[in-house]
C-alpha cells in the first residue's frame, strides 16, 4: 500500500521533470527573477547515464546559464563520430 501526500501551493510556473532540461529551465527562470517549482516523480537523485553530447547551441545555452566555464574544464571533446542504423 502506498501513501500519498497532497498539498496545495500556487505557482505561476510549474516544470514537470527534474532532468537536465527541467533543472536548466528552473535555473534560467531564477536568474531572471522568476520563481518556479520543479516536480519530479523519482524519490532520489540518480547517477545514471554515460555521456551527454553538447553541440554548439547547447554551449550557447550553458553560457547564458553561467555554467559553460565549469563544464568546459571537465568536457572531453569528441573528435569524430559515426551514426549507425540499428537495422
Protein backbone atom coordinates (compact mmCIF):
# COMPACT_ATOMS: atom_id res chain seq x y z
CA UNK A 1 0.00 0.00 0.00
CA UNK A 2 1.46 3.34 -0.96
CA UNK A 3 0.89 6.57 0.88
CA UNK A 4 0.47 9.87 -0.89
CA UNK A 5 0.95 13.39 0.34
CA UNK A 6 -1.32 16.05 -1.02
CA UNK A 7 -0.60 19.73 -0.64
CA UNK A 8 -1.64 22.85 -2.45
CA UNK A 9 0.78 25.56 -3.45
CA UNK A 10 0.09 28.22 -6.03
CA UNK A 11 2.86 28.84 -8.55
CA UNK A 12 2.77 30.63 -11.87
CA UNK A 13 5.34 28.32 -13.44
CA UNK A 14 5.37 24.56 -12.89
CA UNK A 15 8.14 22.50 -14.50
CA UNK A 16 7.38 18.81 -14.85
CA UNK A 17 10.56 16.74 -14.73
CA UNK A 18 13.75 17.29 -12.76
CA UNK A 19 16.12 16.16 -15.50
CA UNK A 20 18.75 18.33 -17.11
CA UNK A 21 16.20 20.32 -19.15
CA UNK A 22 13.82 20.89 -16.25
CA UNK A 23 16.60 22.00 -13.92
CA UNK A 24 18.18 24.24 -16.58
CA UNK A 25 14.80 25.87 -17.16
CA UNK A 26 14.34 26.45 -13.43
CA UNK A 27 17.83 27.95 -13.20
CA UNK A 28 17.22 30.27 -16.16
CA UNK A 29 13.93 31.46 -14.68
CA UNK A 30 15.58 32.02 -11.29
CA UNK A 31 18.31 34.12 -12.93
CA UNK A 32 15.54 36.25 -14.47
CA UNK A 33 13.93 36.71 -11.04
CA UNK A 34 11.02 34.38 -11.72
CA UNK A 35 10.02 31.67 -9.26
CA UNK A 36 9.01 28.19 -10.31
CA UNK A 37 8.54 24.75 -8.87
CA UNK A 38 10.05 21.57 -10.31
CA UNK A 39 8.03 18.38 -9.98
CA UNK A 40 9.93 15.09 -10.16
CA UNK A 41 8.46 11.64 -9.57
CA UNK A 42 11.74 9.95 -8.60
CA UNK A 43 12.33 9.89 -4.86
CA UNK A 44 16.11 10.22 -5.07
CA UNK A 45 18.75 11.66 -7.35
CA UNK A 46 20.04 9.05 -9.79
CA UNK A 47 23.56 8.83 -11.13
CA UNK A 48 22.76 7.06 -14.37
CA UNK A 49 23.99 7.81 -17.85
CA UNK A 50 27.27 7.57 -19.65
CA UNK A 51 27.63 10.84 -21.51
CA UNK A 52 25.92 13.98 -22.67
CA UNK A 53 26.78 15.33 -26.11
CA UNK A 54 26.53 19.11 -26.28
CA UNK A 55 26.55 20.79 -29.66
CA UNK A 56 27.15 24.50 -30.40
CA UNK A 57 23.67 25.75 -29.49
CA UNK A 58 23.83 23.76 -26.27
CA UNK A 59 27.07 25.52 -25.30
CA UNK A 60 25.42 28.88 -26.04
CA UNK A 61 22.64 27.94 -23.60
CA UNK A 62 25.20 26.89 -20.96
CA UNK A 63 26.96 30.26 -21.35
CA UNK A 64 23.65 32.03 -20.68
CA UNK A 65 23.09 29.87 -17.59
CA UNK A 66 26.60 30.66 -16.32
CA UNK A 67 27.68 27.01 -16.41
CA UNK A 68 29.85 26.76 -19.53
CA UNK A 69 33.20 27.61 -17.92
CA UNK A 70 32.85 24.96 -15.20
CA UNK A 71 31.72 22.32 -17.67
CA UNK A 72 34.39 23.06 -20.28
CA UNK A 73 37.05 22.23 -17.69
CA UNK A 74 35.53 18.74 -17.37
CA UNK A 75 34.48 18.19 -21.00
CA UNK A 76 36.23 15.72 -23.27
CA UNK A 77 35.96 16.95 -26.87
CA UNK A 78 34.73 14.39 -29.40
CA UNK A 79 36.98 14.42 -32.44
CA UNK A 80 34.75 12.27 -34.68
CA UNK A 81 31.63 10.16 -34.50
CA UNK A 82 29.59 7.84 -36.70
CA UNK A 83 25.86 7.27 -36.74
CA UNK A 84 24.78 3.67 -37.21
CA UNK A 85 21.35 2.36 -38.03
CA UNK A 86 20.13 -0.44 -35.76
CA UNK A 87 18.93 -2.40 -38.84
